């Protein structure tokens, strides 16, 4: 049993050592008459595990947490998917562009649409930092 625990521990450590992580958030515009607050930047904060051009992670969506995934088409263009973990389990997909601002800090405008909804999609602006 000790051999299995040791093997799993070494495998997880090597995965963590070779991994690159990404912290991401979406900037929410305040409602009419409201001022900018910290919550506008932290309501949709998340973390993702990056390997090559694929990212998988979890992101806060209000009071709930959603799963998200990204696939990098090239250095700047990516496809994103977000799966809600609440009761309806809706899937949203979109496309975005990463604009490098400084070292590992990126501004990311993207368009995302809920698949099963009749509503039009949203254009949003995100921030990400690669660790």
N, C-alpha and C. Protein backbone atom coordinates (compact mmCIF):
# COMPACT_ATOMS: atom_id res chain seq x y z
N UNK A 1 0.82 -1.19 0.00
CA UNK A 1 0.00 0.00 0.00
C UNK A 1 0.86 1.26 0.00
N UNK A 2 1.98 1.20 0.73
CA UNK A 2 2.87 2.36 0.78
C UNK A 2 3.44 2.68 -0.60
N UNK A 3 3.72 1.63 -1.38
CA UNK A 3 4.27 1.83 -2.72
C UNK A 3 3.27 2.59 -3.60
N UNK A 4 1.99 2.24 -3.48
CA UNK A 4 0.97 2.92 -4.28
C UNK A 4 0.84 4.39 -3.89
N UNK A 5 0.83 4.65 -2.60
CA UNK A 5 0.73 6.03 -2.12
C UNK A 5 1.95 6.83 -2.56
N UNK A 6 3.12 6.24 -2.45
CA UNK A 6 4.35 6.91 -2.88
C UNK A 6 4.33 7.17 -4.39
N UNK A 7 3.88 6.21 -5.17
CA UNK A 7 3.80 6.37 -6.63
C UNK A 7 2.83 7.48 -7.01
N UNK A 8 1.67 7.49 -6.38
CA UNK A 8 0.68 8.54 -6.66
C UNK A 8 1.22 9.90 -6.23
N UNK A 9 1.87 9.95 -5.08
CA UNK A 9 2.45 11.21 -4.61
C UNK A 9 3.50 11.76 -5.55
N UNK A 10 4.38 10.93 -6.03
CA UNK A 10 5.42 11.36 -6.96
C UNK A 10 4.81 11.80 -8.28
N UNK A 11 3.79 11.06 -8.75
CA UNK A 11 3.13 11.45 -10.00
C UNK A 11 2.46 12.81 -9.87
N UNK A 12 1.78 13.06 -8.75
CA UNK A 12 1.13 14.36 -8.55
C UNK A 12 2.14 15.50 -8.41
N UNK A 13 3.24 15.24 -7.74
CA UNK A 13 4.28 16.27 -7.61
C UNK A 13 4.90 16.60 -8.96
N UNK A 14 5.15 15.59 -9.78
CA UNK A 14 5.74 15.86 -11.09
C UNK A 14 4.75 16.59 -11.99
N UNK A 15 3.46 16.28 -11.88
CA UNK A 15 2.44 17.02 -12.63
C UNK A 15 2.41 18.48 -12.20
N UNK A 16 2.46 18.70 -10.90
CA UNK A 16 2.44 20.06 -10.38
C UNK A 16 3.69 20.85 -10.74
N UNK A 17 4.83 20.18 -10.81
CA UNK A 17 6.08 20.86 -11.14
C UNK A 17 6.13 21.26 -12.60
N UNK A 18 5.53 20.46 -13.47
CA UNK A 18 5.59 20.78 -14.90
C UNK A 18 4.39 21.58 -15.37
N UNK A 19 3.48 21.89 -14.48
CA UNK A 19 2.24 22.56 -14.86
C UNK A 19 2.40 24.07 -14.86
N UNK A 20 1.50 24.68 -15.56
CA UNK A 20 1.39 26.12 -15.53
C UNK A 20 -0.06 26.41 -15.18
N UNK A 21 -0.26 27.32 -14.27
CA UNK A 21 -1.61 27.66 -13.83
C UNK A 21 -1.99 29.05 -14.32
N UNK A 22 -3.27 29.30 -14.39
CA UNK A 22 -3.78 30.59 -14.85
C UNK A 22 -4.87 31.05 -13.90
N UNK A 23 -4.79 32.28 -13.46
CA UNK A 23 -5.84 32.91 -12.67
C UNK A 23 -6.60 33.82 -13.61
N UNK A 24 -7.92 33.73 -13.61
CA UNK A 24 -8.72 34.49 -14.56
C UNK A 24 -9.92 35.14 -13.88
N UNK A 25 -10.41 36.21 -14.44
CA UNK A 25 -11.62 36.86 -13.95
C UNK A 25 -12.28 37.59 -15.11
N UNK A 26 -13.57 37.83 -14.97
CA UNK A 26 -14.32 38.62 -15.94
C UNK A 26 -14.72 39.92 -15.28
N UNK A 27 -14.51 41.02 -15.96
CA UNK A 27 -14.86 42.33 -15.44
C UNK A 27 -16.33 42.59 -15.73
N UNK A 28 -17.10 42.84 -14.67
CA UNK A 28 -18.53 43.13 -14.81
C UNK A 28 -18.77 44.62 -14.70
N UNK A 29 -19.46 45.18 -15.68
CA UNK A 29 -19.78 46.60 -15.65
C UNK A 29 -20.86 46.84 -14.60
N UNK A 30 -20.71 47.88 -13.76
CA UNK A 30 -21.73 48.13 -12.74
C UNK A 30 -23.05 48.57 -13.37
N UNK A 31 -24.14 48.31 -12.66
CA UNK A 31 -25.47 48.70 -13.13
C UNK A 31 -25.58 50.22 -13.18
N UNK A 32 -26.56 50.69 -13.89
CA UNK A 32 -26.79 52.14 -14.05
C UNK A 32 -26.91 52.79 -12.67
N UNK A 33 -26.09 53.80 -12.42
CA UNK A 33 -26.13 54.53 -11.15
C UNK A 33 -25.22 53.96 -10.09
N UNK A 34 -24.69 52.76 -10.28
CA UNK A 34 -23.77 52.17 -9.31
C UNK A 34 -22.33 52.55 -9.65
N UNK A 35 -21.46 52.48 -8.67
CA UNK A 35 -20.05 52.81 -8.91
C UNK A 35 -19.24 51.52 -9.01
N UNK A 36 -18.02 51.66 -9.52
CA UNK A 36 -17.11 50.51 -9.63
C UNK A 36 -16.68 50.08 -8.24
N UNK A 37 -16.70 48.76 -8.01
CA UNK A 37 -16.28 48.19 -6.73
C UNK A 37 -15.37 47.00 -7.00
N UNK A 38 -14.76 46.50 -5.96
CA UNK A 38 -13.90 45.32 -6.09
C UNK A 38 -14.69 44.12 -6.59
N UNK A 39 -15.96 44.03 -6.20
CA UNK A 39 -16.79 42.90 -6.60
C UNK A 39 -16.95 42.82 -8.12
N UNK A 40 -16.83 43.95 -8.83
CA UNK A 40 -16.92 43.94 -10.28
C UNK A 40 -15.77 43.14 -10.91
N UNK A 41 -14.69 42.97 -10.19
CA UNK A 41 -13.53 42.24 -10.69
C UNK A 41 -13.41 40.84 -10.10
N UNK A 42 -14.05 40.58 -8.96
CA UNK A 42 -13.84 39.31 -8.27
C UNK A 42 -15.05 38.37 -8.30
N UNK A 43 -16.18 38.77 -8.82
CA UNK A 43 -17.37 37.91 -8.83
C UNK A 43 -17.19 36.68 -9.71
N UNK A 44 -16.41 36.77 -10.75
CA UNK A 44 -16.21 35.65 -11.68
C UNK A 44 -14.76 35.20 -11.73
N UNK A 45 -14.11 35.13 -10.59
CA UNK A 45 -12.71 34.76 -10.53
C UNK A 45 -12.55 33.24 -10.54
N UNK A 46 -11.50 32.76 -11.17
CA UNK A 46 -11.28 31.32 -11.23
C UNK A 46 -9.82 30.97 -11.43
N UNK A 47 -9.55 29.67 -11.41
CA UNK A 47 -8.18 29.18 -11.61
C UNK A 47 -8.24 28.00 -12.57
N UNK A 48 -7.24 27.91 -13.43
CA UNK A 48 -7.20 26.84 -14.42
C UNK A 48 -5.83 26.20 -14.50
N UNK A 49 -5.83 24.95 -14.88
CA UNK A 49 -4.60 24.17 -15.08
C UNK A 49 -4.31 24.16 -16.57
N UNK A 50 -3.12 24.61 -16.95
CA UNK A 50 -2.75 24.71 -18.36
C UNK A 50 -1.77 23.60 -18.73
N UNK A 51 -2.04 23.01 -19.87
CA UNK A 51 -1.11 22.03 -20.45
C UNK A 51 -1.13 22.23 -21.96
N UNK A 52 0.01 22.58 -22.53
CA UNK A 52 0.13 22.95 -23.94
C UNK A 52 -0.88 24.05 -24.25
N UNK A 53 -1.85 23.81 -25.11
CA UNK A 53 -2.81 24.85 -25.46
C UNK A 53 -4.21 24.56 -24.91
N UNK A 54 -4.30 23.72 -23.87
CA UNK A 54 -5.58 23.38 -23.26
C UNK A 54 -5.58 23.84 -21.81
N UNK A 55 -6.70 24.45 -21.39
CA UNK A 55 -6.88 24.89 -20.01
C UNK A 55 -8.16 24.27 -19.48
N UNK A 56 -8.11 23.73 -18.27
CA UNK A 56 -9.31 23.22 -17.59
C UNK A 56 -9.30 23.77 -16.18
N UNK A 57 -10.46 24.23 -15.72
CA UNK A 57 -10.49 24.82 -14.40
C UNK A 57 -11.88 25.05 -13.87
N UNK A 58 -11.92 25.83 -12.80
CA UNK A 58 -13.16 26.16 -12.13
C UNK A 58 -13.21 27.67 -11.96
N UNK A 59 -14.42 28.22 -12.13
CA UNK A 59 -14.60 29.67 -12.04
C UNK A 59 -15.84 29.96 -11.21
N UNK A 60 -15.76 31.00 -10.39
CA UNK A 60 -16.89 31.40 -9.57
C UNK A 60 -17.89 32.15 -10.45
N UNK A 61 -19.15 31.81 -10.31
CA UNK A 61 -20.21 32.45 -11.09
C UNK A 61 -21.28 32.89 -10.10
N UNK A 62 -21.13 34.10 -9.55
CA UNK A 62 -22.03 34.56 -8.50
C UNK A 62 -21.78 33.77 -7.23
N UNK A 63 -22.79 33.01 -6.78
CA UNK A 63 -22.65 32.19 -5.58
C UNK A 63 -22.25 30.75 -5.92
N UNK A 64 -22.30 30.39 -7.19
CA UNK A 64 -22.00 29.02 -7.63
C UNK A 64 -20.62 28.95 -8.27
N UNK A 65 -20.18 27.73 -8.53
CA UNK A 65 -18.92 27.51 -9.23
C UNK A 65 -19.20 26.73 -10.51
N UNK A 66 -18.58 27.16 -11.61
CA UNK A 66 -18.75 26.52 -12.91
C UNK A 66 -17.43 25.90 -13.35
N UNK A 67 -17.52 24.90 -14.20
CA UNK A 67 -16.34 24.32 -14.83
C UNK A 67 -16.09 25.04 -16.14
N UNK A 68 -14.84 25.29 -16.47
CA UNK A 68 -14.55 25.91 -17.76
C UNK A 68 -13.37 25.22 -18.42
N UNK A 69 -13.34 25.34 -19.73
CA UNK A 69 -12.25 24.81 -20.51
C UNK A 69 -11.94 25.73 -21.66
N UNK A 70 -10.69 25.77 -22.04
CA UNK A 70 -10.26 26.61 -23.17
C UNK A 70 -9.34 25.81 -24.06
N UNK A 71 -9.45 26.07 -25.35
CA UNK A 71 -8.53 25.47 -26.31
C UNK A 71 -7.92 26.60 -27.12
N UNK A 72 -6.62 26.73 -27.09
CA UNK A 72 -5.93 27.77 -27.84
C UNK A 72 -5.77 27.39 -29.29
N UNK A 73 -6.41 28.15 -30.17
CA UNK A 73 -6.31 27.90 -31.61
C UNK A 73 -4.92 28.30 -32.11
N UNK A 74 -4.46 29.45 -31.65
CA UNK A 74 -3.09 29.88 -31.90
C UNK A 74 -2.62 30.63 -30.65
N UNK A 75 -1.58 31.43 -30.75
CA UNK A 75 -1.04 32.11 -29.56
C UNK A 75 -2.04 33.05 -28.91
N UNK A 76 -2.93 33.68 -29.69
CA UNK A 76 -3.82 34.69 -29.14
C UNK A 76 -5.30 34.33 -29.20
N UNK A 77 -5.72 33.49 -30.10
CA UNK A 77 -7.13 33.17 -30.30
C UNK A 77 -7.49 31.86 -29.60
N UNK A 78 -8.64 31.85 -28.92
CA UNK A 78 -9.03 30.65 -28.19
C UNK A 78 -10.55 30.43 -28.25
N UNK A 79 -10.95 29.18 -28.03
CA UNK A 79 -12.34 28.79 -27.91
C UNK A 79 -12.57 28.43 -26.45
N UNK A 80 -13.68 28.89 -25.88
CA UNK A 80 -13.95 28.67 -24.47
C UNK A 80 -15.30 28.01 -24.28
N UNK A 81 -15.40 27.17 -23.26
CA UNK A 81 -16.66 26.54 -22.88
C UNK A 81 -16.81 26.63 -21.38
N UNK A 82 -18.04 26.88 -20.92
CA UNK A 82 -18.31 26.99 -19.49
C UNK A 82 -19.57 26.20 -19.17
N UNK A 83 -19.46 25.27 -18.22
CA UNK A 83 -20.56 24.41 -17.84
C UNK A 83 -21.01 24.77 -16.43
N UNK A 84 -22.27 25.20 -16.31
CA UNK A 84 -22.82 25.55 -15.00
C UNK A 84 -23.02 24.29 -14.17
N UNK A 85 -22.74 24.38 -12.88
CA UNK A 85 -22.90 23.23 -11.99
C UNK A 85 -24.16 23.33 -11.15
N UNK A 86 -24.96 24.35 -11.39
CA UNK A 86 -26.21 24.48 -10.66
C UNK A 86 -27.25 23.56 -11.27
N UNK A 87 -28.51 23.72 -10.92
CA UNK A 87 -29.57 22.78 -11.32
C UNK A 87 -29.73 22.64 -12.83
N UNK A 88 -29.66 23.74 -13.59
CA UNK A 88 -29.94 23.65 -15.03
C UNK A 88 -28.78 23.11 -15.85
N UNK A 89 -27.57 23.17 -15.33
CA UNK A 89 -26.37 22.68 -16.01
C UNK A 89 -26.29 23.14 -17.46
N UNK A 90 -26.41 24.43 -17.67
CA UNK A 90 -26.35 24.99 -19.02
C UNK A 90 -24.91 25.07 -19.51
N UNK A 91 -24.74 24.99 -20.81
CA UNK A 91 -23.43 25.05 -21.43
C UNK A 91 -23.33 26.32 -22.26
N UNK A 92 -22.27 27.07 -22.04
CA UNK A 92 -22.01 28.27 -22.82
C UNK A 92 -20.71 28.07 -23.58
N UNK A 93 -20.67 28.52 -24.83
CA UNK A 93 -19.46 28.44 -25.64
C UNK A 93 -19.16 29.81 -26.23
N UNK A 94 -17.89 30.03 -26.53
CA UNK A 94 -17.52 31.32 -27.09
C UNK A 94 -16.15 31.29 -27.71
N UNK A 95 -15.76 32.46 -28.17
CA UNK A 95 -14.44 32.64 -28.79
C UNK A 95 -13.85 33.94 -28.26
N UNK A 96 -12.53 33.94 -28.06
CA UNK A 96 -11.90 35.12 -27.49
C UNK A 96 -10.51 35.36 -28.03
N UNK A 97 -9.96 36.49 -27.63
CA UNK A 97 -8.64 36.92 -28.06
C UNK A 97 -7.84 37.36 -26.84
N UNK A 98 -6.63 36.86 -26.69
CA UNK A 98 -5.75 37.23 -25.58
C UNK A 98 -4.76 38.30 -26.04
N UNK A 99 -4.80 39.42 -25.37
CA UNK A 99 -3.90 40.53 -25.68
C UNK A 99 -2.93 40.69 -24.51
N UNK A 100 -1.67 40.41 -24.78
CA UNK A 100 -0.65 40.50 -23.72
C UNK A 100 -0.40 41.96 -23.38
N UNK A 101 -0.56 42.28 -22.10
CA UNK A 101 -0.38 43.66 -21.64
C UNK A 101 1.01 43.84 -21.05
N UNK A 102 1.39 42.92 -20.17
CA UNK A 102 2.67 43.04 -19.48
C UNK A 102 3.08 41.67 -18.96
N UNK A 103 4.23 41.19 -19.33
CA UNK A 103 4.76 39.88 -18.94
C UNK A 103 3.69 38.81 -19.09
N UNK A 104 3.12 38.32 -17.98
CA UNK A 104 2.12 37.25 -18.04
C UNK A 104 0.70 37.74 -17.75
N UNK A 105 0.46 39.02 -17.87
CA UNK A 105 -0.86 39.61 -17.66
C UNK A 105 -1.53 39.85 -19.02
N UNK A 106 -2.77 39.35 -19.17
CA UNK A 106 -3.49 39.43 -20.43
C UNK A 106 -4.86 40.07 -20.25
N UNK A 107 -5.27 40.87 -21.22
CA UNK A 107 -6.64 41.36 -21.33
C UNK A 107 -7.29 40.52 -22.41
N UNK A 108 -8.49 40.00 -22.12
CA UNK A 108 -9.11 39.03 -23.02
C UNK A 108 -10.56 39.38 -23.33
N UNK A 109 -10.79 40.11 -24.42
CA UNK A 109 -12.18 40.29 -24.85
C UNK A 109 -12.68 38.99 -25.49
N UNK A 110 -13.93 38.63 -25.19
CA UNK A 110 -14.48 37.40 -25.76
C UNK A 110 -15.99 37.50 -25.91
N UNK A 111 -16.51 36.68 -26.79
CA UNK A 111 -17.95 36.57 -27.03
C UNK A 111 -18.38 35.19 -26.55
N UNK A 112 -19.44 35.13 -25.74
CA UNK A 112 -19.91 33.86 -25.21
C UNK A 112 -21.43 33.80 -25.28
N UNK A 113 -21.96 32.61 -25.62
CA UNK A 113 -23.40 32.43 -25.76
C UNK A 113 -23.81 31.12 -25.11
N UNK A 114 -24.93 31.17 -24.38
CA UNK A 114 -25.50 29.96 -23.81
C UNK A 114 -26.19 29.20 -24.92
N UNK A 115 -25.88 27.91 -25.07
CA UNK A 115 -26.37 27.14 -26.20
C UNK A 115 -27.88 26.95 -26.24
N UNK A 116 -28.49 26.66 -25.11
CA UNK A 116 -29.91 26.35 -25.09
C UNK A 116 -30.79 27.57 -24.88
N UNK A 117 -30.23 28.76 -24.94
CA UNK A 117 -30.98 29.98 -24.70
C UNK A 117 -31.32 30.67 -26.03
N UNK A 118 -32.45 31.34 -26.06
CA UNK A 118 -32.85 32.11 -27.23
C UNK A 118 -32.21 33.50 -27.24
N UNK A 119 -31.65 33.90 -26.11
CA UNK A 119 -31.02 35.21 -26.00
C UNK A 119 -29.73 35.26 -26.81
N UNK A 120 -29.38 36.49 -27.22
CA UNK A 120 -28.10 36.68 -27.90
C UNK A 120 -26.96 36.53 -26.90
N UNK A 121 -25.78 36.29 -27.41
CA UNK A 121 -24.61 36.16 -26.55
C UNK A 121 -24.14 37.50 -26.02
N UNK A 122 -23.11 37.46 -25.20
CA UNK A 122 -22.56 38.66 -24.58
C UNK A 122 -21.11 38.84 -24.98
N UNK A 123 -20.72 40.08 -25.15
CA UNK A 123 -19.31 40.42 -25.32
C UNK A 123 -18.81 40.85 -23.95
N UNK A 124 -17.77 40.19 -23.48
CA UNK A 124 -17.22 40.46 -22.15
C UNK A 124 -15.72 40.72 -22.24
N UNK A 125 -15.18 41.27 -21.17
CA UNK A 125 -13.75 41.51 -21.08
C UNK A 125 -13.25 40.79 -19.84
N UNK A 126 -12.20 39.99 -20.04
CA UNK A 126 -11.61 39.26 -18.94
C UNK A 126 -10.17 39.65 -18.72
N UNK A 127 -9.66 39.30 -17.57
CA UNK A 127 -8.25 39.49 -17.23
C UNK A 127 -7.70 38.13 -16.84
N UNK A 128 -6.49 37.83 -17.23
CA UNK A 128 -5.87 36.59 -16.79
C UNK A 128 -4.39 36.81 -16.51
N UNK A 129 -3.88 36.01 -15.59
CA UNK A 129 -2.49 36.05 -15.24
C UNK A 129 -1.98 34.62 -15.21
N UNK A 130 -0.94 34.35 -15.95
CA UNK A 130 -0.36 33.00 -16.02
C UNK A 130 0.75 32.87 -15.01
N UNK A 131 0.62 31.89 -14.13
CA UNK A 131 1.62 31.66 -13.07
C UNK A 131 2.70 30.72 -13.55
